[in-house]
Amino acid sequence: MSAVRRESTGPSRPDFAALFTVRECDCGRENCEICEGWQLTPRTADMLHTALKIMADQAFDDIEEHGSEPVEREDGGDWLFFDSLPRITWNQDSGWRRQVARACDDLAGGLIRGDCPVPRNNAEEIVLHLPERP
């Protein structure tokens, strides 16, 4: 009897449909929290998780490549992540940059636990307000 060997494809994706169930209500009441309230859908949670993991990877790559050197406008695309932050942050050191990268990982980890992405510090707030890059 031969055993079928399954190759690992890496870590399995979180089941965002189970973590962020879509609440539906057809009560028709004017002040129904479920009918009118905002909710994080499974698809949005999945997309946000993916974006946060990519940003964390890019941030850590930038730190490894550039350390504490300032971001310059003339760098011409040498940065993967930190040039997308407001210019006021471009002179921050690698310790500060690690906190921002860690914030991406922390928010992504929260989504895996089923937590809505609510910023708990300035780094998480900055990350959640970044515009989509072209």
N, C-alpha and C. Protein backbone atom coordinates (compact mmCIF):
# COMPACT_ATOMS: atom_id res chain seq x y z
N MET A 1 0.85 -1.17 0.00
CA MET A 1 0.00 0.00 0.00
C MET A 1 0.90 1.23 0.00
N SER A 2 0.78 2.06 -0.99
CA SER A 2 1.62 3.26 -1.06
C SER A 2 0.87 4.46 -0.52
N ALA A 3 1.61 5.31 0.17
CA ALA A 3 1.02 6.53 0.73
C ALA A 3 1.17 7.65 -0.28
N VAL A 4 0.17 8.41 -0.41
CA VAL A 4 0.23 9.57 -1.30
C VAL A 4 0.88 10.71 -0.53
N ARG A 5 1.94 11.22 -1.10
CA ARG A 5 2.66 12.31 -0.45
C ARG A 5 2.16 13.64 -0.98
N ARG A 6 1.73 14.49 -0.06
CA ARG A 6 1.24 15.81 -0.44
C ARG A 6 2.33 16.83 -0.14
N GLU A 7 2.61 17.65 -1.12
CA GLU A 7 3.62 18.68 -0.91
C GLU A 7 2.98 19.87 -0.21
N SER A 8 3.75 20.46 0.65
CA SER A 8 3.27 21.63 1.37
C SER A 8 3.35 22.85 0.46
N THR A 9 2.35 23.65 0.48
CA THR A 9 2.33 24.87 -0.32
C THR A 9 2.53 26.09 0.57
N GLY A 10 3.09 25.88 1.74
CA GLY A 10 3.31 27.00 2.66
C GLY A 10 2.18 27.10 3.64
N PRO A 11 2.21 28.16 4.43
CA PRO A 11 1.16 28.30 5.44
C PRO A 11 -0.21 28.45 4.79
N SER A 12 -1.21 27.83 5.40
CA SER A 12 -2.55 27.92 4.84
C SER A 12 -3.13 29.31 5.10
N ARG A 13 -4.00 29.72 4.22
CA ARG A 13 -4.64 31.03 4.33
C ARG A 13 -5.68 30.98 5.44
N PRO A 14 -5.80 32.06 6.19
CA PRO A 14 -6.85 32.11 7.20
C PRO A 14 -8.23 32.02 6.55
N ASP A 15 -9.18 31.47 7.25
CA ASP A 15 -10.55 31.38 6.76
C ASP A 15 -11.28 32.67 7.14
N PHE A 16 -11.11 33.69 6.33
CA PHE A 16 -11.71 34.99 6.64
C PHE A 16 -13.23 34.94 6.61
N ALA A 17 -13.80 34.01 5.85
CA ALA A 17 -15.27 33.88 5.83
C ALA A 17 -15.78 33.44 7.20
N ALA A 18 -15.02 32.62 7.90
CA ALA A 18 -15.41 32.19 9.24
C ALA A 18 -15.09 33.27 10.28
N LEU A 19 -14.00 33.99 10.06
CA LEU A 19 -13.58 35.02 11.02
C LEU A 19 -14.44 36.28 10.95
N PHE A 20 -14.89 36.63 9.76
CA PHE A 20 -15.67 37.86 9.55
C PHE A 20 -16.97 37.51 8.83
N THR A 21 -17.88 36.91 9.54
CA THR A 21 -19.15 36.53 8.94
C THR A 21 -19.96 37.77 8.59
N VAL A 22 -20.59 37.72 7.46
CA VAL A 22 -21.42 38.84 7.01
C VAL A 22 -22.75 38.77 7.74
N ARG A 23 -23.06 39.84 8.45
CA ARG A 23 -24.33 39.90 9.18
C ARG A 23 -25.40 40.43 8.24
N GLU A 24 -26.49 39.73 8.18
CA GLU A 24 -27.59 40.16 7.33
C GLU A 24 -28.85 40.27 8.16
N CYS A 25 -29.62 41.28 7.86
CA CYS A 25 -30.87 41.50 8.58
C CYS A 25 -31.83 42.20 7.62
N ASP A 26 -33.04 41.74 7.57
CA ASP A 26 -34.04 42.35 6.70
C ASP A 26 -35.18 42.93 7.52
N CYS A 27 -34.86 43.43 8.71
CA CYS A 27 -35.92 43.90 9.60
C CYS A 27 -36.57 45.18 9.09
N GLY A 28 -35.81 46.00 8.34
CA GLY A 28 -36.36 47.22 7.80
C GLY A 28 -36.47 48.37 8.78
N ARG A 29 -36.02 48.16 10.02
CA ARG A 29 -36.08 49.25 10.99
C ARG A 29 -35.09 50.34 10.63
N GLU A 30 -35.45 51.57 10.96
CA GLU A 30 -34.62 52.71 10.62
C GLU A 30 -33.31 52.75 11.39
N ASN A 31 -33.30 52.34 12.63
CA ASN A 31 -32.10 52.42 13.47
C ASN A 31 -31.46 51.07 13.74
N CYS A 32 -31.58 50.13 12.83
CA CYS A 32 -31.02 48.80 13.03
C CYS A 32 -29.50 48.86 12.83
N GLU A 33 -28.76 48.47 13.85
CA GLU A 33 -27.30 48.50 13.79
C GLU A 33 -26.76 47.53 12.74
N ILE A 34 -27.44 46.42 12.55
CA ILE A 34 -26.99 45.42 11.58
C ILE A 34 -27.26 45.89 10.15
N CYS A 35 -28.46 46.41 9.89
CA CYS A 35 -28.82 46.84 8.54
C CYS A 35 -27.99 48.04 8.07
N GLU A 36 -27.75 48.97 8.97
CA GLU A 36 -27.09 50.21 8.59
C GLU A 36 -25.63 50.30 9.00
N GLY A 37 -25.16 49.40 9.83
CA GLY A 37 -23.81 49.48 10.35
C GLY A 37 -22.76 49.01 9.36
N TRP A 38 -21.54 49.49 9.57
CA TRP A 38 -20.41 49.07 8.76
C TRP A 38 -19.89 47.74 9.28
N GLN A 39 -19.45 46.90 8.37
CA GLN A 39 -18.83 45.65 8.77
C GLN A 39 -17.69 45.32 7.83
N LEU A 40 -16.70 44.65 8.38
CA LEU A 40 -15.57 44.20 7.59
C LEU A 40 -15.94 42.88 6.94
N THR A 41 -15.97 42.86 5.62
CA THR A 41 -16.36 41.65 4.92
C THR A 41 -15.16 40.70 4.82
N PRO A 42 -15.40 39.43 4.61
CA PRO A 42 -14.29 38.48 4.47
C PRO A 42 -13.33 38.86 3.34
N ARG A 43 -13.87 39.30 2.23
CA ARG A 43 -13.02 39.66 1.09
C ARG A 43 -12.14 40.86 1.42
N THR A 44 -12.71 41.85 2.08
CA THR A 44 -11.92 43.03 2.46
C THR A 44 -10.85 42.65 3.49
N ALA A 45 -11.20 41.80 4.44
CA ALA A 45 -10.23 41.34 5.44
C ALA A 45 -9.07 40.61 4.75
N ASP A 46 -9.38 39.78 3.78
CA ASP A 46 -8.36 39.03 3.04
C ASP A 46 -7.44 39.99 2.27
N MET A 47 -8.04 40.94 1.58
CA MET A 47 -7.25 41.91 0.81
C MET A 47 -6.37 42.76 1.73
N LEU A 48 -6.94 43.20 2.84
CA LEU A 48 -6.18 44.01 3.78
C LEU A 48 -5.04 43.21 4.39
N HIS A 49 -5.30 41.97 4.75
CA HIS A 49 -4.26 41.09 5.29
C HIS A 49 -3.11 40.95 4.28
N THR A 50 -3.44 40.69 3.04
CA THR A 50 -2.42 40.54 1.99
C THR A 50 -1.61 41.82 1.84
N ALA A 51 -2.29 42.96 1.80
CA ALA A 51 -1.59 44.25 1.65
C ALA A 51 -0.67 44.52 2.85
N LEU A 52 -1.14 44.23 4.05
CA LEU A 52 -0.32 44.46 5.24
C LEU A 52 0.91 43.56 5.25
N LYS A 53 0.78 42.31 4.84
CA LYS A 53 1.93 41.41 4.79
C LYS A 53 2.95 41.88 3.75
N ILE A 54 2.47 42.35 2.61
CA ILE A 54 3.37 42.88 1.57
C ILE A 54 4.08 44.12 2.09
N MET A 55 3.33 45.03 2.73
CA MET A 55 3.95 46.25 3.26
C MET A 55 4.99 45.92 4.32
N ALA A 56 4.71 44.96 5.18
CA ALA A 56 5.68 44.56 6.20
C ALA A 56 6.95 44.03 5.54
N ASP A 57 6.80 43.16 4.55
CA ASP A 57 7.97 42.63 3.85
C ASP A 57 8.78 43.74 3.19
N GLN A 58 8.09 44.66 2.53
CA GLN A 58 8.78 45.76 1.87
C GLN A 58 9.48 46.67 2.89
N ALA A 59 8.82 46.93 4.01
CA ALA A 59 9.41 47.78 5.04
C ALA A 59 10.68 47.14 5.61
N PHE A 60 10.61 45.85 5.94
CA PHE A 60 11.79 45.17 6.46
C PHE A 60 12.90 45.10 5.41
N ASP A 61 12.54 44.93 4.13
CA ASP A 61 13.55 44.96 3.07
C ASP A 61 14.21 46.33 2.97
N ASP A 62 13.42 47.40 3.08
CA ASP A 62 13.98 48.76 3.06
C ASP A 62 14.95 48.97 4.22
N ILE A 63 14.59 48.49 5.39
CA ILE A 63 15.46 48.65 6.57
C ILE A 63 16.77 47.90 6.35
N GLU A 64 16.68 46.70 5.80
CA GLU A 64 17.89 45.92 5.54
C GLU A 64 18.77 46.61 4.50
N GLU A 65 18.16 47.18 3.49
CA GLU A 65 18.90 47.82 2.40
C GLU A 65 19.44 49.21 2.78
N HIS A 66 18.64 49.99 3.49
CA HIS A 66 18.98 51.40 3.71
C HIS A 66 19.26 51.78 5.17
N GLY A 67 18.90 50.93 6.10
CA GLY A 67 19.13 51.25 7.52
C GLY A 67 18.47 52.55 7.92
N SER A 68 19.27 53.48 8.45
CA SER A 68 18.75 54.77 8.92
C SER A 68 18.98 55.90 7.93
N GLU A 69 19.47 55.60 6.73
CA GLU A 69 19.72 56.69 5.78
C GLU A 69 18.40 57.35 5.40
N PRO A 70 18.42 58.66 5.23
CA PRO A 70 17.16 59.36 4.92
C PRO A 70 16.66 59.04 3.51
N VAL A 71 15.35 59.08 3.37
CA VAL A 71 14.74 58.95 2.05
C VAL A 71 14.95 60.28 1.35
N GLU A 72 15.37 60.21 0.11
CA GLU A 72 15.57 61.42 -0.69
C GLU A 72 14.62 61.39 -1.89
N ARG A 73 14.13 62.54 -2.24
CA ARG A 73 13.23 62.63 -3.40
C ARG A 73 13.92 62.12 -4.66
N GLU A 74 15.22 62.29 -4.73
CA GLU A 74 15.99 61.92 -5.92
C GLU A 74 16.38 60.44 -5.93
N ASP A 75 15.93 59.66 -4.97
CA ASP A 75 16.32 58.25 -4.90
C ASP A 75 15.83 57.45 -6.10
N GLY A 76 14.86 57.96 -6.79
CA GLY A 76 14.41 57.34 -8.03
C GLY A 76 13.91 55.91 -7.91
N GLY A 77 13.13 55.63 -6.88
CA GLY A 77 12.54 54.31 -6.75
C GLY A 77 13.39 53.29 -6.04
N ASP A 78 14.42 53.73 -5.31
CA ASP A 78 15.26 52.81 -4.55
C ASP A 78 14.55 52.22 -3.34
N TRP A 79 13.47 52.85 -2.92
CA TRP A 79 12.73 52.42 -1.73
C TRP A 79 11.50 51.64 -2.15
N LEU A 80 11.16 50.64 -1.36
CA LEU A 80 9.96 49.85 -1.62
C LEU A 80 8.75 50.36 -0.85
N PHE A 81 9.00 50.93 0.34
CA PHE A 81 7.89 51.27 1.23
C PHE A 81 8.00 52.67 1.83
N PHE A 82 9.13 53.01 2.44
CA PHE A 82 9.19 54.21 3.26
C PHE A 82 9.10 55.52 2.48
N ASP A 83 9.29 55.50 1.19
CA ASP A 83 9.08 56.72 0.41
C ASP A 83 7.59 57.00 0.20
N SER A 84 6.72 56.05 0.57
CA SER A 84 5.26 56.28 0.47
C SER A 84 4.71 56.96 1.72
N LEU A 85 5.52 57.05 2.77
CA LEU A 85 5.09 57.74 3.99
C LEU A 85 5.24 59.24 3.82
N PRO A 86 4.58 60.03 4.65
CA PRO A 86 4.73 61.49 4.55
C PRO A 86 6.19 61.91 4.66
N ARG A 87 6.55 62.97 3.95
CA ARG A 87 7.95 63.44 3.91
C ARG A 87 8.52 63.72 5.30
N ILE A 88 7.68 64.10 6.23
CA ILE A 88 8.15 64.41 7.57
C ILE A 88 8.81 63.19 8.24
N THR A 89 8.50 61.99 7.74
CA THR A 89 9.06 60.77 8.32
C THR A 89 10.35 60.32 7.63
N TRP A 90 10.75 60.96 6.57
CA TRP A 90 11.85 60.47 5.75
C TRP A 90 13.20 60.46 6.46
N ASN A 91 13.35 61.19 7.56
CA ASN A 91 14.62 61.22 8.30
C ASN A 91 14.60 60.33 9.54
N GLN A 92 13.56 59.55 9.73
CA GLN A 92 13.49 58.68 10.90
C GLN A 92 14.54 57.58 10.80
N ASP A 93 14.97 57.08 11.96
CA ASP A 93 16.01 56.05 11.99
C ASP A 93 15.43 54.65 11.82
N SER A 94 16.32 53.66 11.78
CA SER A 94 15.88 52.29 11.53
C SER A 94 15.02 51.74 12.67
N GLY A 95 15.24 52.21 13.90
CA GLY A 95 14.40 51.77 15.02
C GLY A 95 12.95 52.18 14.82
N TRP A 96 12.74 53.42 14.41
CA TRP A 96 11.39 53.90 14.13
C TRP A 96 10.79 53.13 12.96
N ARG A 97 11.60 52.89 11.95
CA ARG A 97 11.11 52.15 10.79
C ARG A 97 10.72 50.72 11.15
N ARG A 98 11.46 50.10 12.07
CA ARG A 98 11.10 48.76 12.53
C ARG A 98 9.74 48.77 13.22
N GLN A 99 9.45 49.84 13.97
CA GLN A 99 8.15 49.93 14.63
C GLN A 99 7.02 49.99 13.60
N VAL A 100 7.24 50.71 12.52
CA VAL A 100 6.22 50.80 11.46
C VAL A 100 6.05 49.44 10.78
N ALA A 101 7.17 48.77 10.48
CA ALA A 101 7.09 47.44 9.86
C ALA A 101 6.37 46.47 10.79
N ARG A 102 6.69 46.55 12.07
CA ARG A 102 6.05 45.69 13.07
C ARG A 102 4.55 45.98 13.16
N ALA A 103 4.18 47.26 13.00
CA ALA A 103 2.76 47.63 13.01
C ALA A 103 2.00 46.92 11.88
N CYS A 104 2.63 46.81 10.72
CA CYS A 104 2.00 46.08 9.60
C CYS A 104 1.76 44.62 10.00
N ASP A 105 2.80 44.00 10.58
CA ASP A 105 2.66 42.61 11.01
C ASP A 105 1.62 42.46 12.11
N ASP A 106 1.58 43.40 13.06
CA ASP A 106 0.62 43.31 14.16
C ASP A 106 -0.82 43.42 13.67
N LEU A 107 -1.06 44.35 12.74
CA LEU A 107 -2.41 44.49 12.18
C LEU A 107 -2.81 43.25 11.39
N ALA A 108 -1.88 42.69 10.63
CA ALA A 108 -2.17 41.47 9.88
C ALA A 108 -2.47 40.31 10.84
N GLY A 109 -1.71 40.23 11.93
CA GLY A 109 -1.95 39.20 12.93
C GLY A 109 -3.30 39.35 13.59
N GLY A 110 -3.71 40.58 13.81
CA GLY A 110 -5.03 40.82 14.39
C GLY A 110 -6.14 40.33 13.48
N LEU A 111 -5.98 40.52 12.18
CA LEU A 111 -6.99 40.03 11.24
C LEU A 111 -7.09 38.51 11.29
N ILE A 112 -5.96 37.83 11.44
CA ILE A 112 -5.97 36.37 11.53
C ILE A 112 -6.73 35.91 12.78
N ARG A 113 -6.71 36.73 13.83
CA ARG A 113 -7.44 36.40 15.06
C ARG A 113 -8.90 36.83 14.98
N GLY A 114 -9.29 37.51 13.91
CA GLY A 114 -10.67 37.95 13.77
C GLY A 114 -10.92 39.34 14.32
N ASP A 115 -9.84 40.09 14.60
CA ASP A 115 -9.97 41.46 15.12
C ASP A 115 -10.11 42.45 13.98
N CYS A 116 -11.03 43.40 14.13
CA CYS A 116 -11.11 44.49 13.16
C CYS A 116 -9.87 45.35 13.30
N PRO A 117 -9.40 45.93 12.20
CA PRO A 117 -8.18 46.72 12.25
C PRO A 117 -8.41 48.10 12.86
N VAL A 118 -8.26 48.18 14.15
CA VAL A 118 -8.38 49.44 14.87
C VAL A 118 -6.97 49.83 15.33
N PRO A 119 -6.47 50.98 14.89
CA PRO A 119 -5.10 51.35 15.26
C PRO A 119 -4.95 51.58 16.76
N ARG A 120 -3.88 50.99 17.31
CA ARG A 120 -3.59 51.12 18.74
C ARG A 120 -2.44 52.08 19.02
N ASN A 121 -1.77 52.55 17.95
CA ASN A 121 -0.67 53.49 18.12
C ASN A 121 -0.49 54.27 16.82
N ASN A 122 0.42 55.24 16.84
CA ASN A 122 0.62 56.10 15.66
C ASN A 122 1.11 55.32 14.45
N ALA A 123 1.97 54.34 14.66
CA ALA A 123 2.49 53.56 13.53
C ALA A 123 1.36 52.81 12.83
N GLU A 124 0.47 52.20 13.59
CA GLU A 124 -0.66 51.48 12.98
C GLU A 124 -1.60 52.44 12.28
N GLU A 125 -1.79 53.62 12.85
CA GLU A 125 -2.65 54.61 12.20
C GLU A 125 -2.05 55.07 10.87
N ILE A 126 -0.74 55.30 10.84
CA ILE A 126 -0.08 55.71 9.59
C ILE A 126 -0.27 54.63 8.53
N VAL A 127 -0.02 53.38 8.91
CA VAL A 127 -0.11 52.27 7.96
C VAL A 127 -1.52 52.13 7.39
N LEU A 128 -2.53 52.28 8.23
CA LEU A 128 -3.91 52.12 7.76
C LEU A 128 -4.39 53.27 6.89
N HIS A 129 -3.69 54.40 6.93
CA HIS A 129 -4.10 55.55 6.12
C HIS A 129 -3.27 55.72 4.85
N LEU A 130 -2.39 54.79 4.57
CA LEU A 130 -1.58 54.91 3.36
C LEU A 130 -2.45 54.74 2.12
N PRO A 131 -2.25 55.60 1.13
CA PRO A 131 -3.00 55.42 -0.12
C PRO A 131 -2.44 54.24 -0.89
N GLU A 132 -3.25 53.70 -1.78
CA GLU A 132 -2.79 52.61 -2.64
C GLU A 132 -1.72 53.15 -3.58
N ARG A 133 -0.65 52.38 -3.74
CA ARG A 133 0.43 52.79 -4.64
C ARG A 133 0.09 52.38 -6.05
N PRO A 134 0.51 53.19 -7.02
CA PRO A 134 0.23 52.85 -8.42
C PRO A 134 0.99 51.62 -8.88
